[in-house]
Amino acid sequence: MMCNYRYTSYESIERTELRVVKRDGSREPLNREKLFRGLVKACEKRPVHMDRLDRAVEEILSELHKDNMSEVPSSMIGAKVMDKLHSIDPVAYVRYVSVYRQFDNVGEFINEIQALERRAARDPLQRKLFKE
């Protein structure tokens, strides 16, 4: 007896659900949408395409999953977001850092901008953050 039907199966990587360990020690599932919204908020009114932010989120999630950890400290996620934003848009990076690091005063904020300028000076392809 012949079947005459063709069956196809597809393999895909099954990702385990990552949990975020927050600063206060609480844990919650990693929320892709929350991660994306944070990037969008940092890039508000900046010339950054949404698909670039979507790719950044996928890259961050992929990096987190490759370590095969079930729980990830929020500080690790924040560092990865800062790295991505630094390469996407310097103003968005400064916005995110100012909220993420919870600066206590303007001096800390200025120090971060100066550090960004020093890094940009070492990279000739990086555009200037401020006009001289």
N, C-alpha and C. Protein backbone atom coordinates (compact mmCIF):
# COMPACT_ATOMS: atom_id res chain seq x y z
N MET A 1 0.83 -1.17 0.00
CA MET A 1 0.00 0.00 0.00
C MET A 1 0.88 1.24 0.00
N MET A 2 0.64 2.18 -0.91
CA MET A 2 1.45 3.39 -1.03
C MET A 2 0.68 4.58 -0.47
N CYS A 3 1.39 5.48 0.11
CA CYS A 3 0.79 6.62 0.80
C CYS A 3 0.51 7.79 -0.15
N ASN A 4 1.44 8.11 -1.03
CA ASN A 4 1.36 9.23 -1.97
C ASN A 4 1.36 10.61 -1.31
N TYR A 5 1.72 10.71 -0.08
CA TYR A 5 1.86 11.98 0.61
C TYR A 5 3.32 12.18 1.00
N ARG A 6 3.71 13.38 1.01
CA ARG A 6 5.08 13.71 1.40
C ARG A 6 5.03 14.43 2.75
N TYR A 7 5.85 14.00 3.66
CA TYR A 7 5.93 14.61 4.99
C TYR A 7 7.29 15.24 5.16
N THR A 8 7.30 16.44 5.67
CA THR A 8 8.54 17.16 5.90
C THR A 8 8.57 17.62 7.35
N SER A 9 9.71 17.46 7.95
CA SER A 9 9.85 17.98 9.32
C SER A 9 10.97 19.01 9.30
N TYR A 10 10.86 19.98 10.16
CA TYR A 10 11.85 21.02 10.26
C TYR A 10 12.43 21.02 11.66
N GLU A 11 13.72 21.23 11.71
CA GLU A 11 14.35 21.32 13.02
C GLU A 11 14.61 22.79 13.33
N SER A 12 14.40 23.12 14.56
CA SER A 12 14.73 24.47 14.99
C SER A 12 15.32 24.38 16.39
N ILE A 13 16.08 25.40 16.71
CA ILE A 13 16.70 25.44 18.03
C ILE A 13 15.64 25.84 19.04
N GLU A 14 15.52 25.05 20.05
CA GLU A 14 14.58 25.37 21.11
C GLU A 14 15.31 26.18 22.17
N ARG A 15 14.88 27.39 22.32
CA ARG A 15 15.52 28.25 23.30
C ARG A 15 14.82 28.10 24.64
N THR A 16 15.62 28.00 25.66
CA THR A 16 15.04 27.95 26.99
C THR A 16 14.61 29.36 27.37
N GLU A 17 13.63 29.44 28.22
CA GLU A 17 13.16 30.76 28.64
C GLU A 17 14.18 31.36 29.60
N LEU A 18 14.66 32.52 29.23
CA LEU A 18 15.61 33.22 30.09
C LEU A 18 14.85 34.02 31.14
N ARG A 19 15.43 34.06 32.31
CA ARG A 19 14.87 34.87 33.39
C ARG A 19 15.87 35.95 33.74
N VAL A 20 15.35 37.12 34.02
CA VAL A 20 16.18 38.27 34.36
C VAL A 20 16.25 38.38 35.87
N VAL A 21 17.46 38.48 36.40
CA VAL A 21 17.66 38.73 37.82
C VAL A 21 17.86 40.23 37.97
N LYS A 22 16.88 40.89 38.56
CA LYS A 22 16.90 42.35 38.68
C LYS A 22 17.79 42.79 39.82
N ARG A 23 18.04 44.09 39.91
CA ARG A 23 18.92 44.65 40.94
C ARG A 23 18.47 44.29 42.35
N ASP A 24 17.16 44.24 42.56
CA ASP A 24 16.64 43.96 43.90
C ASP A 24 16.58 42.46 44.21
N GLY A 25 17.06 41.62 43.28
CA GLY A 25 17.08 40.18 43.49
C GLY A 25 15.85 39.47 42.97
N SER A 26 14.83 40.21 42.57
CA SER A 26 13.63 39.57 42.01
C SER A 26 13.94 39.02 40.62
N ARG A 27 13.11 38.08 40.20
CA ARG A 27 13.31 37.44 38.91
C ARG A 27 12.02 37.55 38.10
N GLU A 28 12.19 37.72 36.78
CA GLU A 28 11.05 37.75 35.88
C GLU A 28 11.49 37.24 34.52
N PRO A 29 10.56 36.75 33.72
CA PRO A 29 10.93 36.27 32.38
C PRO A 29 11.47 37.42 31.53
N LEU A 30 12.45 37.12 30.71
CA LEU A 30 13.00 38.11 29.79
C LEU A 30 11.92 38.45 28.78
N ASN A 31 11.60 39.72 28.66
CA ASN A 31 10.53 40.18 27.80
C ASN A 31 11.14 40.89 26.59
N ARG A 32 11.04 40.25 25.43
CA ARG A 32 11.61 40.80 24.19
C ARG A 32 11.01 42.18 23.89
N GLU A 33 9.71 42.30 24.08
CA GLU A 33 9.02 43.55 23.78
C GLU A 33 9.52 44.70 24.67
N LYS A 34 9.76 44.38 25.94
CA LYS A 34 10.27 45.40 26.88
C LYS A 34 11.68 45.86 26.45
N LEU A 35 12.49 44.92 26.01
CA LEU A 35 13.83 45.22 25.52
C LEU A 35 13.74 46.13 24.29
N PHE A 36 12.85 45.79 23.36
CA PHE A 36 12.66 46.58 22.16
C PHE A 36 12.17 47.99 22.49
N ARG A 37 11.21 48.08 23.39
CA ARG A 37 10.67 49.40 23.78
C ARG A 37 11.76 50.29 24.38
N GLY A 38 12.67 49.70 25.15
CA GLY A 38 13.77 50.47 25.72
C GLY A 38 14.67 51.06 24.64
N LEU A 39 14.95 50.27 23.62
CA LEU A 39 15.77 50.76 22.50
C LEU A 39 15.02 51.84 21.73
N VAL A 40 13.74 51.62 21.50
CA VAL A 40 12.93 52.61 20.77
C VAL A 40 12.90 53.93 21.54
N LYS A 41 12.71 53.86 22.84
CA LYS A 41 12.66 55.07 23.67
C LYS A 41 13.98 55.84 23.60
N ALA A 42 15.09 55.12 23.65
CA ALA A 42 16.40 55.77 23.58
C ALA A 42 16.62 56.44 22.22
N CYS A 43 16.04 55.86 21.18
CA CYS A 43 16.25 56.36 19.82
C CYS A 43 15.14 57.30 19.34
N GLU A 44 14.27 57.68 20.26
CA GLU A 44 13.15 58.55 19.90
C GLU A 44 13.65 59.84 19.24
N LYS A 45 13.04 60.17 18.10
CA LYS A 45 13.36 61.37 17.31
C LYS A 45 14.80 61.36 16.78
N ARG A 46 15.37 60.18 16.64
CA ARG A 46 16.70 60.02 16.07
C ARG A 46 16.54 59.31 14.72
N PRO A 47 17.50 59.49 13.81
CA PRO A 47 17.38 58.86 12.48
C PRO A 47 17.79 57.38 12.51
N VAL A 48 17.03 56.59 13.25
CA VAL A 48 17.32 55.16 13.38
C VAL A 48 16.08 54.38 12.93
N HIS A 49 16.28 53.43 12.02
CA HIS A 49 15.17 52.64 11.51
C HIS A 49 14.76 51.56 12.52
N MET A 50 13.48 51.29 12.58
CA MET A 50 12.95 50.29 13.50
C MET A 50 13.52 48.90 13.22
N ASP A 51 13.76 48.59 11.94
CA ASP A 51 14.30 47.26 11.64
C ASP A 51 15.73 47.14 12.17
N ARG A 52 16.46 48.25 12.29
CA ARG A 52 17.81 48.18 12.88
C ARG A 52 17.70 47.86 14.37
N LEU A 53 16.70 48.44 15.03
CA LEU A 53 16.48 48.15 16.45
C LEU A 53 16.01 46.72 16.65
N ASP A 54 15.17 46.25 15.75
CA ASP A 54 14.70 44.86 15.83
C ASP A 54 15.87 43.89 15.68
N ARG A 55 16.77 44.20 14.74
CA ARG A 55 17.97 43.37 14.57
C ARG A 55 18.84 43.41 15.82
N ALA A 56 18.96 44.58 16.43
CA ALA A 56 19.76 44.72 17.65
C ALA A 56 19.20 43.85 18.76
N VAL A 57 17.87 43.84 18.90
CA VAL A 57 17.23 43.01 19.92
C VAL A 57 17.53 41.53 19.65
N GLU A 58 17.40 41.12 18.40
CA GLU A 58 17.70 39.72 18.05
C GLU A 58 19.15 39.37 18.34
N GLU A 59 20.06 40.28 18.06
CA GLU A 59 21.48 40.05 18.34
C GLU A 59 21.71 39.91 19.84
N ILE A 60 21.09 40.77 20.62
CA ILE A 60 21.23 40.71 22.08
C ILE A 60 20.69 39.39 22.60
N LEU A 61 19.50 39.01 22.15
CA LEU A 61 18.90 37.74 22.60
C LEU A 61 19.77 36.56 22.20
N SER A 62 20.29 36.59 20.99
CA SER A 62 21.15 35.51 20.52
C SER A 62 22.41 35.39 21.38
N GLU A 63 23.01 36.54 21.71
CA GLU A 63 24.20 36.54 22.57
C GLU A 63 23.88 35.98 23.96
N LEU A 64 22.73 36.33 24.49
CA LEU A 64 22.34 35.85 25.82
C LEU A 64 22.07 34.35 25.81
N HIS A 65 21.45 33.87 24.74
CA HIS A 65 21.13 32.44 24.66
C HIS A 65 22.35 31.56 24.41
N LYS A 66 23.36 32.12 23.76
CA LYS A 66 24.53 31.29 23.43
C LYS A 66 25.30 30.85 24.67
N ASP A 67 25.12 31.58 25.77
CA ASP A 67 25.82 31.22 27.00
C ASP A 67 25.13 30.09 27.76
N ASN A 68 23.95 29.66 27.28
CA ASN A 68 23.19 28.55 27.88
C ASN A 68 22.91 28.77 29.37
N MET A 69 22.63 29.99 29.72
CA MET A 69 22.28 30.29 31.11
C MET A 69 20.76 30.35 31.21
N SER A 70 20.23 30.01 32.36
CA SER A 70 18.79 30.11 32.54
C SER A 70 18.40 31.44 33.17
N GLU A 71 19.35 32.06 33.88
CA GLU A 71 19.10 33.37 34.49
C GLU A 71 20.23 34.32 34.10
N VAL A 72 19.83 35.55 33.81
CA VAL A 72 20.78 36.56 33.35
C VAL A 72 20.63 37.80 34.22
N PRO A 73 21.71 38.32 34.78
CA PRO A 73 21.60 39.56 35.56
C PRO A 73 21.18 40.72 34.66
N SER A 74 20.35 41.59 35.16
CA SER A 74 19.90 42.75 34.37
C SER A 74 21.09 43.61 33.95
N SER A 75 22.14 43.61 34.75
CA SER A 75 23.32 44.40 34.41
C SER A 75 23.97 43.89 33.12
N MET A 76 23.92 42.59 32.87
CA MET A 76 24.48 42.02 31.65
C MET A 76 23.66 42.46 30.44
N ILE A 77 22.34 42.46 30.61
CA ILE A 77 21.47 42.90 29.52
C ILE A 77 21.71 44.38 29.24
N GLY A 78 21.79 45.18 30.30
CA GLY A 78 22.04 46.61 30.14
C GLY A 78 23.35 46.89 29.42
N ALA A 79 24.38 46.14 29.74
CA ALA A 79 25.68 46.32 29.09
C ALA A 79 25.59 46.00 27.61
N LYS A 80 24.86 44.95 27.27
CA LYS A 80 24.70 44.58 25.85
C LYS A 80 23.89 45.64 25.10
N VAL A 81 22.88 46.18 25.74
CA VAL A 81 22.08 47.25 25.13
C VAL A 81 22.97 48.47 24.90
N MET A 82 23.78 48.82 25.89
CA MET A 82 24.67 49.98 25.73
C MET A 82 25.64 49.77 24.57
N ASP A 83 26.20 48.57 24.45
CA ASP A 83 27.12 48.27 23.34
C ASP A 83 26.43 48.46 22.00
N LYS A 84 25.21 47.94 21.88
CA LYS A 84 24.47 48.06 20.61
C LYS A 84 24.15 49.52 20.31
N LEU A 85 23.65 50.25 21.30
CA LEU A 85 23.30 51.64 21.08
C LEU A 85 24.52 52.49 20.74
N HIS A 86 25.64 52.16 21.34
CA HIS A 86 26.87 52.90 21.07
C HIS A 86 27.22 52.83 19.58
N SER A 87 27.00 51.67 18.98
CA SER A 87 27.31 51.51 17.56
C SER A 87 26.19 52.02 16.66
N ILE A 88 24.97 52.15 17.18
CA ILE A 88 23.83 52.59 16.37
C ILE A 88 23.73 54.11 16.33
N ASP A 89 23.74 54.75 17.50
CA ASP A 89 23.54 56.20 17.56
C ASP A 89 24.10 56.72 18.89
N PRO A 90 25.07 57.65 18.84
CA PRO A 90 25.68 58.12 20.09
C PRO A 90 24.73 58.88 21.01
N VAL A 91 23.78 59.61 20.44
CA VAL A 91 22.83 60.35 21.28
C VAL A 91 21.90 59.37 22.01
N ALA A 92 21.44 58.35 21.30
CA ALA A 92 20.60 57.33 21.92
C ALA A 92 21.37 56.60 23.02
N TYR A 93 22.65 56.37 22.77
CA TYR A 93 23.51 55.73 23.77
C TYR A 93 23.55 56.57 25.05
N VAL A 94 23.80 57.88 24.91
CA VAL A 94 23.89 58.77 26.07
C VAL A 94 22.55 58.81 26.81
N ARG A 95 21.45 58.85 26.07
CA ARG A 95 20.13 58.84 26.70
C ARG A 95 19.94 57.58 27.55
N TYR A 96 20.27 56.44 26.96
CA TYR A 96 20.08 55.17 27.67
C TYR A 96 20.98 55.10 28.90
N VAL A 97 22.23 55.48 28.73
CA VAL A 97 23.19 55.43 29.84
C VAL A 97 22.74 56.33 30.98
N SER A 98 22.20 57.50 30.64
CA SER A 98 21.78 58.43 31.69
C SER A 98 20.68 57.84 32.56
N VAL A 99 19.79 57.06 31.97
CA VAL A 99 18.71 56.42 32.73
C VAL A 99 19.23 55.15 33.41
N TYR A 100 19.98 54.35 32.67
CA TYR A 100 20.45 53.06 33.17
C TYR A 100 21.38 53.21 34.37
N ARG A 101 22.30 54.14 34.27
CA ARG A 101 23.28 54.31 35.35
C ARG A 101 22.79 55.21 36.47
N GLN A 102 21.65 55.82 36.30
CA GLN A 102 21.03 56.66 37.33
C GLN A 102 22.03 57.67 37.89
N PHE A 103 22.50 58.54 37.01
CA PHE A 103 23.46 59.55 37.42
C PHE A 103 22.90 60.39 38.57
N ASP A 104 23.76 60.69 39.54
CA ASP A 104 23.35 61.49 40.69
C ASP A 104 23.50 62.99 40.43
N ASN A 105 24.39 63.33 39.50
CA ASN A 105 24.60 64.75 39.23
C ASN A 105 25.03 64.97 37.78
N VAL A 106 25.06 66.21 37.38
CA VAL A 106 25.41 66.58 36.02
C VAL A 106 26.86 66.22 35.70
N GLY A 107 27.73 66.27 36.71
CA GLY A 107 29.13 65.95 36.50
C GLY A 107 29.33 64.53 35.99
N GLU A 108 28.59 63.59 36.53
CA GLU A 108 28.69 62.20 36.06
C GLU A 108 28.24 62.10 34.61
N PHE A 109 27.19 62.82 34.28
CA PHE A 109 26.68 62.84 32.91
C PHE A 109 27.72 63.41 31.95
N ILE A 110 28.35 64.51 32.35
CA ILE A 110 29.39 65.14 31.52
C ILE A 110 30.58 64.20 31.35
N ASN A 111 30.96 63.51 32.42
CA ASN A 111 32.07 62.55 32.33
C ASN A 111 31.77 61.46 31.31
N GLU A 112 30.54 60.97 31.28
CA GLU A 112 30.15 59.93 30.33
C GLU A 112 30.24 60.45 28.90
N ILE A 113 29.80 61.67 28.67
CA ILE A 113 29.86 62.26 27.33
C ILE A 113 31.32 62.45 26.91
N GLN A 114 32.16 62.89 27.84
CA GLN A 114 33.58 63.07 27.52
C GLN A 114 34.24 61.72 27.21
N ALA A 115 33.86 60.69 27.93
CA ALA A 115 34.40 59.35 27.65
C ALA A 115 33.97 58.89 26.26
N LEU A 116 32.74 59.20 25.90
CA LEU A 116 32.23 58.84 24.58
C LEU A 116 33.02 59.59 23.50
N GLU A 117 33.29 60.85 23.74
CA GLU A 117 34.07 61.66 22.79
C GLU A 117 35.49 61.09 22.64
N ARG A 118 36.10 60.66 23.74
CA ARG A 118 37.46 60.08 23.66
C ARG A 118 37.44 58.80 22.84
N ARG A 119 36.42 57.97 23.04
CA ARG A 119 36.32 56.74 22.24
C ARG A 119 36.11 57.07 20.78
N ALA A 120 35.29 58.07 20.49
CA ALA A 120 35.02 58.47 19.11
C ALA A 120 36.29 59.02 18.46
N ALA A 121 37.13 59.72 19.22
CA ALA A 121 38.37 60.28 18.68
C ALA A 121 39.32 59.16 18.25
N ARG A 122 39.26 58.02 18.92
CA ARG A 122 40.11 56.88 18.55
C ARG A 122 39.59 56.18 17.30
N ASP A 123 38.29 56.36 16.98
CA ASP A 123 37.69 55.70 15.83
C ASP A 123 37.37 56.74 14.77
N PRO A 124 38.16 56.79 13.69
CA PRO A 124 37.95 57.82 12.67
C PRO A 124 36.61 57.69 11.94
N LEU A 125 35.98 56.53 12.00
CA LEU A 125 34.69 56.35 11.33
C LEU A 125 33.51 56.83 12.17
N GLN A 126 33.74 57.07 13.46
CA GLN A 126 32.68 57.52 14.37
C GLN A 126 32.44 59.00 14.17
N ARG A 127 31.20 59.40 13.98
CA ARG A 127 30.89 60.81 13.78
C ARG A 127 30.95 61.56 15.12
N LYS A 128 31.10 62.85 15.03
CA LYS A 128 31.19 63.70 16.22
C LYS A 128 29.83 63.76 16.90
N LEU A 129 29.82 63.72 18.22
CA LEU A 129 28.59 63.82 18.98
C LEU A 129 28.11 65.27 19.04
N PHE A 130 29.04 66.20 19.19
CA PHE A 130 28.70 67.61 19.27
C PHE A 130 29.53 68.38 18.27
N LYS A 131 28.96 69.46 17.76
CA LYS A 131 29.72 70.33 16.86
C LYS A 131 30.67 71.18 17.68
N GLU A 132 31.80 71.45 17.10
CA GLU A 132 32.79 72.26 17.82
C GLU A 132 32.59 73.72 17.56
